[in-house]
Amino acid sequence: MKMTAIEKYFVNSPGHTGSVARHAIRLMDRIEIQPGWRYLDVGCGVGGAPRKIAETYSLDVTGVDIDPEQIEAAGRGGSLPNLRFKVADATQLSFAGGEFDIVAASKVTHHIPEWKHAIGEMARVTRSGGYLVYSDFIVPKWLASVGRRLLPAMGFPSEKAIMAVAALAGLELVHRSRGFAQVEIIWKKK
């Protein structure tokens, strides 16, 4: 689902974009990264986090977003030899299975009604032994059920459902941290 103009105004602000990039680096510091690994940022928006990852680590970085305007804006941020952006739907990623060493999604799945399928796709394109780095807003199971009926164009992930989808996809928990109505998780693919 594409964001509204109001959401883009806040999400694309320099302060928010910088905060997302710093958060991505903080999570990446929990992984023993190898030079040359391939990194995919799903729902990259204007590209702040993948750009920071490409500048900080010796990784081959790809950022994808469903919104062509966001990808166009990401491309205007300047070029790096190890960074590219592409329009893509998180529920139908056009990459081979196991193509990436690290796949990341930050505050994305609550925008996707079929978020379970999106997590499955992210797991599919993560190689065995690779990492899926995830953070998003979560809601209690009862509220997720109500939310899906009231706002079917949104995703309403609950932590229990996220963990169940991850287990089915062959992901093992490496790190989990909860805050008020949000969670950050790092899984390793079996």
N, C-alpha and C. Protein backbone atom coordinates (compact mmCIF):
# COMPACT_ATOMS: atom_id res chain seq x y z
N MET A 1 0.83 -1.17 0.00
CA MET A 1 0.00 0.00 0.00
C MET A 1 0.89 1.25 0.00
N LYS A 2 0.61 2.15 -0.88
CA LYS A 2 1.35 3.41 -0.91
C LYS A 2 0.88 4.30 0.23
N MET A 3 1.78 5.10 0.75
CA MET A 3 1.44 6.03 1.82
C MET A 3 0.69 7.23 1.26
N THR A 4 -0.08 7.86 2.13
CA THR A 4 -0.77 9.09 1.74
C THR A 4 0.24 10.24 1.71
N ALA A 5 -0.15 11.36 1.13
CA ALA A 5 0.73 12.54 1.07
C ALA A 5 1.08 13.02 2.47
N ILE A 6 0.15 12.94 3.40
CA ILE A 6 0.42 13.37 4.77
C ILE A 6 1.46 12.46 5.42
N GLU A 7 1.31 11.14 5.24
CA GLU A 7 2.30 10.20 5.79
C GLU A 7 3.68 10.47 5.20
N LYS A 8 3.73 10.69 3.89
CA LYS A 8 5.01 10.96 3.24
C LYS A 8 5.66 12.22 3.79
N TYR A 9 4.85 13.22 4.08
CA TYR A 9 5.39 14.47 4.61
C TYR A 9 6.20 14.21 5.88
N PHE A 10 5.65 13.40 6.77
CA PHE A 10 6.33 13.11 8.03
C PHE A 10 7.45 12.08 7.85
N VAL A 11 7.16 11.00 7.15
CA VAL A 11 8.13 9.92 6.99
C VAL A 11 9.35 10.35 6.18
N ASN A 12 9.16 11.22 5.21
CA ASN A 12 10.28 11.65 4.36
C ASN A 12 11.03 12.86 4.90
N SER A 13 10.66 13.35 6.05
CA SER A 13 11.37 14.50 6.62
C SER A 13 12.80 14.10 6.96
N PRO A 14 13.74 15.03 6.85
CA PRO A 14 15.14 14.70 7.15
C PRO A 14 15.34 14.13 8.55
N GLY A 15 14.61 14.65 9.53
CA GLY A 15 14.76 14.13 10.89
C GLY A 15 14.34 12.69 11.02
N HIS A 16 13.20 12.36 10.43
CA HIS A 16 12.71 10.98 10.49
C HIS A 16 13.61 10.05 9.68
N THR A 17 13.99 10.48 8.49
CA THR A 17 14.85 9.65 7.64
C THR A 17 16.18 9.36 8.35
N GLY A 18 16.75 10.37 9.00
CA GLY A 18 17.99 10.17 9.75
C GLY A 18 17.82 9.21 10.91
N SER A 19 16.68 9.31 11.60
CA SER A 19 16.39 8.43 12.72
C SER A 19 16.28 6.97 12.26
N VAL A 20 15.62 6.75 11.13
CA VAL A 20 15.48 5.39 10.58
C VAL A 20 16.86 4.84 10.21
N ALA A 21 17.70 5.67 9.61
CA ALA A 21 19.05 5.23 9.23
C ALA A 21 19.87 4.87 10.46
N ARG A 22 19.82 5.68 11.50
CA ARG A 22 20.56 5.37 12.74
C ARG A 22 20.06 4.09 13.37
N HIS A 23 18.76 3.88 13.35
CA HIS A 23 18.18 2.64 13.89
C HIS A 23 18.66 1.43 13.10
N ALA A 24 18.73 1.55 11.79
CA ALA A 24 19.23 0.45 10.95
C ALA A 24 20.67 0.09 11.31
N ILE A 25 21.50 1.09 11.50
CA ILE A 25 22.91 0.86 11.87
C ILE A 25 22.99 0.18 13.23
N ARG A 26 22.18 0.65 14.17
CA ARG A 26 22.18 0.04 15.51
C ARG A 26 21.84 -1.44 15.46
N LEU A 27 20.86 -1.81 14.64
CA LEU A 27 20.50 -3.22 14.50
C LEU A 27 21.58 -4.00 13.76
N MET A 28 22.16 -3.40 12.75
CA MET A 28 23.22 -4.08 12.00
C MET A 28 24.44 -4.38 12.87
N ASP A 29 24.68 -3.55 13.87
CA ASP A 29 25.81 -3.78 14.77
C ASP A 29 25.65 -5.05 15.61
N ARG A 30 24.48 -5.65 15.58
CA ARG A 30 24.23 -6.91 16.29
C ARG A 30 24.58 -8.13 15.44
N ILE A 31 24.96 -7.89 14.20
CA ILE A 31 25.26 -8.98 13.25
C ILE A 31 26.74 -8.95 12.90
N GLU A 32 27.34 -10.13 12.81
CA GLU A 32 28.73 -10.22 12.37
C GLU A 32 28.75 -10.15 10.84
N ILE A 33 28.89 -8.95 10.32
CA ILE A 33 28.76 -8.68 8.89
C ILE A 33 30.05 -9.03 8.16
N GLN A 34 29.89 -9.63 6.99
CA GLN A 34 31.03 -9.96 6.14
C GLN A 34 31.04 -9.04 4.92
N PRO A 35 32.21 -8.51 4.56
CA PRO A 35 32.29 -7.66 3.36
C PRO A 35 31.76 -8.40 2.13
N GLY A 36 31.06 -7.66 1.28
CA GLY A 36 30.54 -8.24 0.05
C GLY A 36 29.17 -8.86 0.17
N TRP A 37 28.66 -8.97 1.39
CA TRP A 37 27.32 -9.52 1.54
C TRP A 37 26.31 -8.64 0.81
N ARG A 38 25.19 -9.27 0.43
CA ARG A 38 24.10 -8.57 -0.24
C ARG A 38 23.02 -8.22 0.77
N TYR A 39 22.57 -6.97 0.73
CA TYR A 39 21.61 -6.42 1.69
C TYR A 39 20.40 -5.89 0.93
N LEU A 40 19.20 -6.25 1.38
CA LEU A 40 17.96 -5.78 0.78
C LEU A 40 17.16 -5.03 1.83
N ASP A 41 16.76 -3.80 1.52
CA ASP A 41 15.90 -3.01 2.38
C ASP A 41 14.52 -2.97 1.73
N VAL A 42 13.54 -3.60 2.36
CA VAL A 42 12.18 -3.69 1.84
C VAL A 42 11.36 -2.54 2.42
N GLY A 43 10.75 -1.75 1.53
CA GLY A 43 10.00 -0.57 1.96
C GLY A 43 10.95 0.56 2.31
N CYS A 44 11.93 0.78 1.46
CA CYS A 44 13.04 1.72 1.76
C CYS A 44 12.64 3.18 1.70
N GLY A 45 11.46 3.51 1.19
CA GLY A 45 11.06 4.91 1.11
C GLY A 45 12.03 5.72 0.28
N VAL A 46 12.47 6.85 0.81
CA VAL A 46 13.39 7.74 0.07
C VAL A 46 14.85 7.31 0.21
N GLY A 47 15.09 6.16 0.80
CA GLY A 47 16.43 5.55 0.77
C GLY A 47 17.41 5.93 1.85
N GLY A 48 16.97 6.55 2.93
CA GLY A 48 17.88 6.97 3.99
C GLY A 48 18.65 5.81 4.61
N ALA A 49 17.95 4.75 4.99
CA ALA A 49 18.61 3.61 5.65
C ALA A 49 19.53 2.85 4.69
N PRO A 50 19.06 2.47 3.48
CA PRO A 50 20.00 1.75 2.61
C PRO A 50 21.21 2.58 2.21
N ARG A 51 21.04 3.89 2.07
CA ARG A 51 22.17 4.75 1.74
C ARG A 51 23.19 4.73 2.88
N LYS A 52 22.72 4.83 4.12
CA LYS A 52 23.61 4.80 5.28
C LYS A 52 24.30 3.45 5.41
N ILE A 53 23.58 2.37 5.14
CA ILE A 53 24.17 1.03 5.18
C ILE A 53 25.27 0.93 4.12
N ALA A 54 24.99 1.40 2.90
CA ALA A 54 25.97 1.35 1.81
C ALA A 54 27.21 2.18 2.12
N GLU A 55 27.03 3.30 2.79
CA GLU A 55 28.16 4.17 3.15
C GLU A 55 28.99 3.59 4.29
N THR A 56 28.33 2.85 5.19
CA THR A 56 28.97 2.39 6.42
C THR A 56 29.65 1.04 6.28
N TYR A 57 29.06 0.14 5.51
CA TYR A 57 29.57 -1.23 5.40
C TYR A 57 29.96 -1.53 3.95
N SER A 58 30.78 -2.50 3.77
CA SER A 58 31.17 -2.95 2.42
C SER A 58 30.17 -3.98 1.93
N LEU A 59 28.92 -3.55 1.75
CA LEU A 59 27.86 -4.43 1.32
C LEU A 59 27.31 -3.97 -0.03
N ASP A 60 26.73 -4.91 -0.76
CA ASP A 60 26.02 -4.63 -1.99
C ASP A 60 24.56 -4.39 -1.59
N VAL A 61 24.06 -3.16 -1.69
CA VAL A 61 22.78 -2.76 -1.11
C VAL A 61 21.73 -2.48 -2.18
N THR A 62 20.55 -3.05 -1.97
CA THR A 62 19.39 -2.79 -2.82
C THR A 62 18.25 -2.31 -1.93
N GLY A 63 17.61 -1.22 -2.34
CA GLY A 63 16.43 -0.73 -1.64
C GLY A 63 15.22 -0.85 -2.56
N VAL A 64 14.12 -1.37 -2.04
CA VAL A 64 12.90 -1.51 -2.83
C VAL A 64 11.73 -0.87 -2.09
N ASP A 65 10.80 -0.34 -2.88
CA ASP A 65 9.57 0.24 -2.35
C ASP A 65 8.50 0.10 -3.42
N ILE A 66 7.26 -0.03 -3.00
CA ILE A 66 6.16 -0.19 -3.95
C ILE A 66 5.81 1.12 -4.66
N ASP A 67 6.22 2.24 -4.07
CA ASP A 67 5.85 3.56 -4.59
C ASP A 67 6.95 4.11 -5.51
N PRO A 68 6.67 4.24 -6.81
CA PRO A 68 7.68 4.77 -7.74
C PRO A 68 8.19 6.17 -7.37
N GLU A 69 7.33 6.99 -6.76
CA GLU A 69 7.77 8.33 -6.36
C GLU A 69 8.83 8.26 -5.27
N GLN A 70 8.66 7.32 -4.34
CA GLN A 70 9.66 7.15 -3.27
C GLN A 70 10.99 6.67 -3.86
N ILE A 71 10.92 5.74 -4.80
CA ILE A 71 12.14 5.22 -5.43
C ILE A 71 12.82 6.32 -6.24
N GLU A 72 12.03 7.12 -6.93
CA GLU A 72 12.61 8.24 -7.68
C GLU A 72 13.33 9.21 -6.74
N ALA A 73 12.71 9.52 -5.61
CA ALA A 73 13.34 10.41 -4.62
C ALA A 73 14.60 9.77 -4.05
N ALA A 74 14.58 8.48 -3.80
CA ALA A 74 15.77 7.78 -3.28
C ALA A 74 16.92 7.89 -4.27
N GLY A 75 16.63 7.73 -5.55
CA GLY A 75 17.66 7.82 -6.58
C GLY A 75 18.27 9.20 -6.71
N ARG A 76 17.52 10.23 -6.33
CA ARG A 76 18.05 11.59 -6.39
C ARG A 76 19.05 11.90 -5.28
N GLY A 77 19.21 10.99 -4.33
CA GLY A 77 20.09 11.23 -3.20
C GLY A 77 21.56 11.09 -3.52
N GLY A 78 21.90 10.84 -4.75
CA GLY A 78 23.31 10.67 -5.14
C GLY A 78 23.61 9.20 -5.36
N SER A 79 24.61 8.93 -6.18
CA SER A 79 24.90 7.55 -6.51
C SER A 79 26.11 7.02 -5.74
N LEU A 80 26.04 5.76 -5.43
CA LEU A 80 27.13 5.01 -4.83
C LEU A 80 27.26 3.73 -5.65
N PRO A 81 28.48 3.24 -5.86
CA PRO A 81 28.64 2.05 -6.70
C PRO A 81 27.99 0.79 -6.13
N ASN A 82 27.79 0.75 -4.82
CA ASN A 82 27.23 -0.45 -4.18
C ASN A 82 25.77 -0.26 -3.76
N LEU A 83 25.05 0.69 -4.38
CA LEU A 83 23.67 0.99 -4.00
C LEU A 83 22.79 1.15 -5.22
N ARG A 84 21.63 0.51 -5.17
CA ARG A 84 20.63 0.66 -6.24
C ARG A 84 19.24 0.64 -5.62
N PHE A 85 18.29 1.22 -6.34
CA PHE A 85 16.90 1.27 -5.89
C PHE A 85 16.00 0.72 -6.99
N LYS A 86 14.90 0.09 -6.57
CA LYS A 86 14.01 -0.57 -7.52
C LYS A 86 12.59 -0.57 -6.96
N VAL A 87 11.61 -0.37 -7.85
CA VAL A 87 10.21 -0.49 -7.47
C VAL A 87 9.89 -1.98 -7.32
N ALA A 88 9.32 -2.35 -6.18
CA ALA A 88 8.96 -3.76 -5.95
C ALA A 88 7.88 -3.84 -4.87
N ASP A 89 7.06 -4.85 -4.98
CA ASP A 89 6.00 -5.15 -4.03
C ASP A 89 6.54 -6.16 -3.02
N ALA A 90 6.44 -5.86 -1.73
CA ALA A 90 6.97 -6.74 -0.69
C ALA A 90 6.31 -8.11 -0.69
N THR A 91 5.10 -8.22 -1.22
CA THR A 91 4.42 -9.52 -1.24
C THR A 91 4.77 -10.34 -2.47
N GLN A 92 5.55 -9.76 -3.41
CA GLN A 92 5.96 -10.46 -4.63
C GLN A 92 7.35 -9.99 -5.04
N LEU A 93 8.33 -10.27 -4.21
CA LEU A 93 9.69 -9.80 -4.50
C LEU A 93 10.25 -10.53 -5.72
N SER A 94 10.81 -9.77 -6.63
CA SER A 94 11.29 -10.33 -7.90
C SER A 94 12.76 -10.74 -7.82
N PHE A 95 13.11 -11.42 -6.74
CA PHE A 95 14.48 -11.89 -6.54
C PHE A 95 14.45 -13.39 -6.35
N ALA A 96 15.57 -14.01 -6.63
CA ALA A 96 15.68 -15.46 -6.45
C ALA A 96 15.69 -15.81 -4.97
N GLY A 97 15.27 -17.01 -4.66
CA GLY A 97 15.33 -17.49 -3.29
C GLY A 97 16.77 -17.48 -2.79
N GLY A 98 16.98 -17.02 -1.57
CA GLY A 98 18.29 -17.02 -0.97
C GLY A 98 19.27 -16.03 -1.57
N GLU A 99 18.79 -15.00 -2.25
CA GLU A 99 19.67 -14.06 -2.96
C GLU A 99 20.38 -13.08 -2.03
N PHE A 100 19.84 -12.86 -0.82
CA PHE A 100 20.41 -11.83 0.05
C PHE A 100 20.91 -12.43 1.37
N ASP A 101 21.99 -11.85 1.88
CA ASP A 101 22.54 -12.26 3.17
C ASP A 101 21.80 -11.60 4.32
N ILE A 102 21.33 -10.38 4.09
CA ILE A 102 20.56 -9.64 5.08
C ILE A 102 19.37 -8.99 4.38
N VAL A 103 18.19 -9.19 4.94
CA VAL A 103 16.98 -8.51 4.46
C VAL A 103 16.44 -7.72 5.64
N ALA A 104 16.10 -6.46 5.40
CA ALA A 104 15.62 -5.60 6.48
C ALA A 104 14.31 -4.94 6.08
N ALA A 105 13.45 -4.74 7.07
CA ALA A 105 12.19 -4.02 6.88
C ALA A 105 11.92 -3.23 8.16
N SER A 106 11.81 -1.91 8.01
CA SER A 106 11.59 -1.06 9.17
C SER A 106 10.28 -0.29 9.01
N LYS A 107 9.36 -0.56 9.89
CA LYS A 107 8.06 0.13 9.93
C LYS A 107 7.33 0.04 8.58
N VAL A 108 7.30 -1.16 8.04
CA VAL A 108 6.72 -1.38 6.72
C VAL A 108 5.45 -2.23 6.77
N THR A 109 5.48 -3.34 7.52
CA THR A 109 4.40 -4.31 7.40
C THR A 109 3.04 -3.79 7.87
N HIS A 110 3.02 -2.76 8.71
CA HIS A 110 1.71 -2.23 9.10
C HIS A 110 1.03 -1.51 7.94
N HIS A 111 1.75 -1.26 6.86
CA HIS A 111 1.17 -0.67 5.64
C HIS A 111 0.66 -1.74 4.67
N ILE A 112 0.89 -3.01 4.99
CA ILE A 112 0.62 -4.10 4.04
C ILE A 112 -0.48 -5.01 4.59
N PRO A 113 -1.66 -5.03 3.96
CA PRO A 113 -2.73 -5.91 4.45
C PRO A 113 -2.28 -7.38 4.52
N GLU A 114 -1.51 -7.81 3.54
CA GLU A 114 -1.03 -9.20 3.51
C GLU A 114 0.39 -9.28 4.06
N TRP A 115 0.60 -8.69 5.24
CA TRP A 115 1.94 -8.60 5.82
C TRP A 115 2.55 -9.97 6.09
N LYS A 116 1.72 -10.97 6.39
CA LYS A 116 2.27 -12.32 6.62
C LYS A 116 2.96 -12.83 5.36
N HIS A 117 2.34 -12.58 4.22
CA HIS A 117 2.95 -13.00 2.95
C HIS A 117 4.24 -12.21 2.69
N ALA A 118 4.24 -10.93 3.05
CA ALA A 118 5.45 -10.12 2.86
C ALA A 118 6.61 -10.66 3.70
N ILE A 119 6.35 -11.02 4.95
CA ILE A 119 7.41 -11.60 5.78
C ILE A 119 7.88 -12.92 5.17
N GLY A 120 6.95 -13.71 4.65
CA GLY A 120 7.33 -14.96 3.98
C GLY A 120 8.22 -14.71 2.77
N GLU A 121 7.92 -13.67 2.00
CA GLU A 121 8.74 -13.31 0.85
C GLU A 121 10.13 -12.84 1.29
N MET A 122 10.18 -12.05 2.35
CA MET A 122 11.48 -11.60 2.86
C MET A 122 12.32 -12.80 3.31
N ALA A 123 11.67 -13.75 3.98
CA ALA A 123 12.39 -14.95 4.40
C ALA A 123 12.85 -15.76 3.19
N ARG A 124 12.02 -15.83 2.16
CA ARG A 124 12.36 -16.60 0.96
C ARG A 124 13.63 -16.08 0.30
N VAL A 125 13.78 -14.76 0.23
CA VAL A 125 14.95 -14.20 -0.47
C VAL A 125 16.19 -14.10 0.43
N THR A 126 16.03 -14.48 1.71
CA THR A 126 17.17 -14.53 2.64
C THR A 126 17.84 -15.89 2.50
N ARG A 127 19.16 -15.90 2.37
CA ARG A 127 19.88 -17.17 2.23
C ARG A 127 19.89 -17.93 3.56
N SER A 128 20.11 -19.23 3.50
CA SER A 128 20.30 -20.02 4.72
C SER A 128 21.51 -19.48 5.46
N GLY A 129 21.35 -19.24 6.74
CA GLY A 129 22.42 -18.64 7.53
C GLY A 129 22.41 -17.12 7.49
N GLY A 130 21.53 -16.54 6.66
CA GLY A 130 21.41 -15.09 6.57
C GLY A 130 20.44 -14.56 7.61
N TYR A 131 20.26 -13.26 7.61
CA TYR A 131 19.49 -12.58 8.65
C TYR A 131 18.32 -11.79 8.08
N LEU A 132 17.20 -11.83 8.80
CA LEU A 132 16.07 -10.97 8.51
C LEU A 132 15.95 -10.02 9.70
N VAL A 133 16.07 -8.73 9.42
CA VAL A 133 16.04 -7.68 10.45
C VAL A 133 14.71 -6.95 10.31
N TYR A 134 13.90 -6.98 11.35
CA TYR A 134 12.52 -6.51 11.27
C TYR A 134 12.20 -5.57 12.43
N SER A 135 11.51 -4.50 12.12
CA SER A 135 10.93 -3.68 13.19
C SER A 135 9.63 -3.07 12.67
N ASP A 136 8.66 -2.99 13.56
CA ASP A 136 7.39 -2.38 13.18
C ASP A 136 6.53 -2.17 14.42
N PHE A 137 5.40 -1.52 14.17
CA PHE A 137 4.40 -1.34 15.21
C PHE A 137 3.66 -2.66 15.36
N ILE A 138 3.23 -2.96 16.56
CA ILE A 138 2.46 -4.17 16.81
C ILE A 138 1.22 -3.79 17.61
N VAL A 139 0.23 -4.64 17.53
CA VAL A 139 -1.00 -4.44 18.28
C VAL A 139 -1.36 -5.76 18.95
N PRO A 140 -2.14 -5.70 20.03
CA PRO A 140 -2.60 -6.95 20.64
C PRO A 140 -3.46 -7.73 19.64
N LYS A 141 -3.51 -9.04 19.83
CA LYS A 141 -4.23 -9.92 18.90
C LYS A 141 -5.69 -9.47 18.71
N TRP A 142 -6.37 -9.11 19.79
CA TRP A 142 -7.78 -8.71 19.68
C TRP A 142 -7.93 -7.45 18.84
N LEU A 143 -6.98 -6.49 19.00
CA LEU A 143 -7.05 -5.25 18.24
C LEU A 143 -6.72 -5.49 16.76
N ALA A 144 -5.82 -6.42 16.51
CA ALA A 144 -5.49 -6.76 15.12
C ALA A 144 -6.73 -7.28 14.40
N SER A 145 -7.50 -8.11 15.08
CA SER A 145 -8.72 -8.67 14.49
C SER A 145 -9.73 -7.57 14.18
N VAL A 146 -9.92 -6.65 15.10
CA VAL A 146 -10.84 -5.53 14.89
C VAL A 146 -10.32 -4.62 13.78
N GLY A 147 -9.04 -4.30 13.84
CA GLY A 147 -8.42 -3.41 12.85
C GLY A 147 -8.56 -3.91 11.43
N ARG A 148 -8.37 -5.23 11.24
CA ARG A 148 -8.49 -5.80 9.89
C ARG A 148 -9.89 -5.60 9.33
N ARG A 149 -10.90 -5.66 10.20
CA ARG A 149 -12.28 -5.47 9.74
C ARG A 149 -12.58 -4.00 9.46
N LEU A 150 -12.06 -3.11 10.29
CA LEU A 150 -12.34 -1.68 10.12
C LEU A 150 -11.50 -1.02 9.04
N LEU A 151 -10.24 -1.41 8.90
CA LEU A 151 -9.31 -0.81 7.94
C LEU A 151 -8.62 -1.92 7.15
N PRO A 152 -9.34 -2.54 6.22
CA PRO A 152 -8.77 -3.68 5.51
C PRO A 152 -7.56 -3.34 4.62
N ALA A 153 -7.31 -2.06 4.35
CA ALA A 153 -6.17 -1.67 3.52
C ALA A 153 -4.89 -1.56 4.34
N MET A 154 -4.95 -1.82 5.64
CA MET A 154 -3.78 -1.73 6.51
C MET A 154 -3.42 -3.13 7.02
N GLY A 155 -2.18 -3.25 7.45
CA GLY A 155 -1.75 -4.47 8.12
C GLY A 155 -1.81 -4.25 9.62
N PHE A 156 -2.12 -5.27 10.34
CA PHE A 156 -2.19 -5.19 11.80
C PHE A 156 -1.41 -6.35 12.40
N PRO A 157 -0.08 -6.28 12.36
CA PRO A 157 0.70 -7.39 12.91
C PRO A 157 0.67 -7.42 14.44
N SER A 158 0.49 -8.60 14.97
CA SER A 158 0.64 -8.81 16.42
C SER A 158 1.94 -9.59 16.60
N GLU A 159 2.56 -9.43 17.75
CA GLU A 159 3.85 -10.10 17.97
C GLU A 159 3.71 -11.62 17.88
N LYS A 160 2.65 -12.16 18.43
CA LYS A 160 2.44 -13.61 18.38
C LYS A 160 2.33 -14.10 16.94
N ALA A 161 1.57 -13.37 16.11
CA ALA A 161 1.41 -13.76 14.71
C ALA A 161 2.73 -13.61 13.94
N ILE A 162 3.49 -12.55 14.23
CA ILE A 162 4.79 -12.35 13.57
C ILE A 162 5.72 -13.52 13.88
N MET A 163 5.77 -13.91 15.15
CA MET A 163 6.66 -15.01 15.54
C MET A 163 6.21 -16.33 14.91
N ALA A 164 4.91 -16.54 14.78
CA ALA A 164 4.41 -17.77 14.15
C ALA A 164 4.78 -17.82 12.67
N VAL A 165 4.63 -16.71 11.97
CA VAL A 165 5.01 -16.64 10.55
C VAL A 165 6.50 -16.90 10.39
N ALA A 166 7.31 -16.30 11.27
CA ALA A 166 8.76 -16.48 11.21
C ALA A 166 9.14 -17.95 11.43
N ALA A 167 8.52 -18.60 12.39
CA ALA A 167 8.82 -20.00 12.66
C ALA A 167 8.49 -20.87 11.45
N LEU A 168 7.35 -20.61 10.81
CA LEU A 168 6.97 -21.38 9.61
C LEU A 168 7.95 -21.15 8.46
N ALA A 169 8.58 -19.97 8.43
CA ALA A 169 9.53 -19.63 7.37
C ALA A 169 10.95 -20.13 7.68
N GLY A 170 11.12 -20.81 8.81
CA GLY A 170 12.44 -21.34 9.15
C GLY A 170 13.39 -20.32 9.74
N LEU A 171 12.84 -19.34 10.44
CA LEU A 171 13.66 -18.29 11.04
C LEU A 171 13.82 -18.54 12.54
N GLU A 172 15.07 -18.41 13.02
CA GLU A 172 15.37 -18.58 14.44
C GLU A 172 15.66 -17.22 15.06
N LEU A 173 15.12 -16.99 16.24
CA LEU A 173 15.29 -15.73 16.92
C LEU A 173 16.73 -15.51 17.36
N VAL A 174 17.28 -14.33 17.03
CA VAL A 174 18.62 -13.92 17.45
C VAL A 174 18.50 -12.79 18.46
N HIS A 175 17.58 -11.86 18.22
CA HIS A 175 17.40 -10.69 19.07
C HIS A 175 15.95 -10.24 18.99
N ARG A 176 15.42 -9.84 20.15
CA ARG A 176 14.08 -9.24 20.16
C ARG A 176 14.04 -8.19 21.26
N SER A 177 13.49 -7.05 20.93
CA SER A 177 13.33 -5.97 21.88
C SER A 177 11.96 -5.37 21.66
N ARG A 178 11.25 -5.15 22.75
CA ARG A 178 9.91 -4.57 22.67
C ARG A 178 9.90 -3.18 23.27
N GLY A 179 9.13 -2.32 22.66
CA GLY A 179 8.85 -1.01 23.22
C GLY A 179 7.35 -0.84 23.24
N PHE A 180 6.89 0.34 23.56
CA PHE A 180 5.45 0.58 23.55
C PHE A 180 4.91 0.44 22.13
N ALA A 181 4.08 -0.55 21.89
CA ALA A 181 3.41 -0.79 20.61
C ALA A 181 4.36 -1.00 19.45
N GLN A 182 5.59 -1.45 19.72
CA GLN A 182 6.50 -1.77 18.63
C GLN A 182 7.48 -2.87 19.06
N VAL A 183 8.05 -3.50 18.06
CA VAL A 183 9.00 -4.58 18.30
C VAL A 183 10.12 -4.49 17.27
N GLU A 184 11.31 -4.89 17.67
CA GLU A 184 12.41 -5.06 16.72
C GLU A 184 12.93 -6.48 16.92
N ILE A 185 13.17 -7.15 15.81
CA ILE A 185 13.55 -8.56 15.85
C ILE A 185 14.63 -8.81 14.81
N ILE A 186 15.59 -9.65 15.18
CA ILE A 186 16.55 -10.17 14.20
C ILE A 186 16.41 -11.69 14.24
N TRP A 187 16.18 -12.27 13.07
CA TRP A 187 16.12 -13.72 12.93
C TRP A 187 17.29 -14.17 12.06
N LYS A 188 17.70 -15.42 12.25
CA LYS A 188 18.66 -16.08 11.37
C LYS A 188 17.92 -17.22 10.68
N LYS A 189 18.12 -17.33 9.37
CA LYS A 189 17.42 -18.37 8.62
C LYS A 189 18.17 -19.69 8.76
N LYS A 190 17.43 -20.74 9.08
CA LYS A 190 18.02 -22.07 9.24
C LYS A 190 18.57 -22.57 7.93
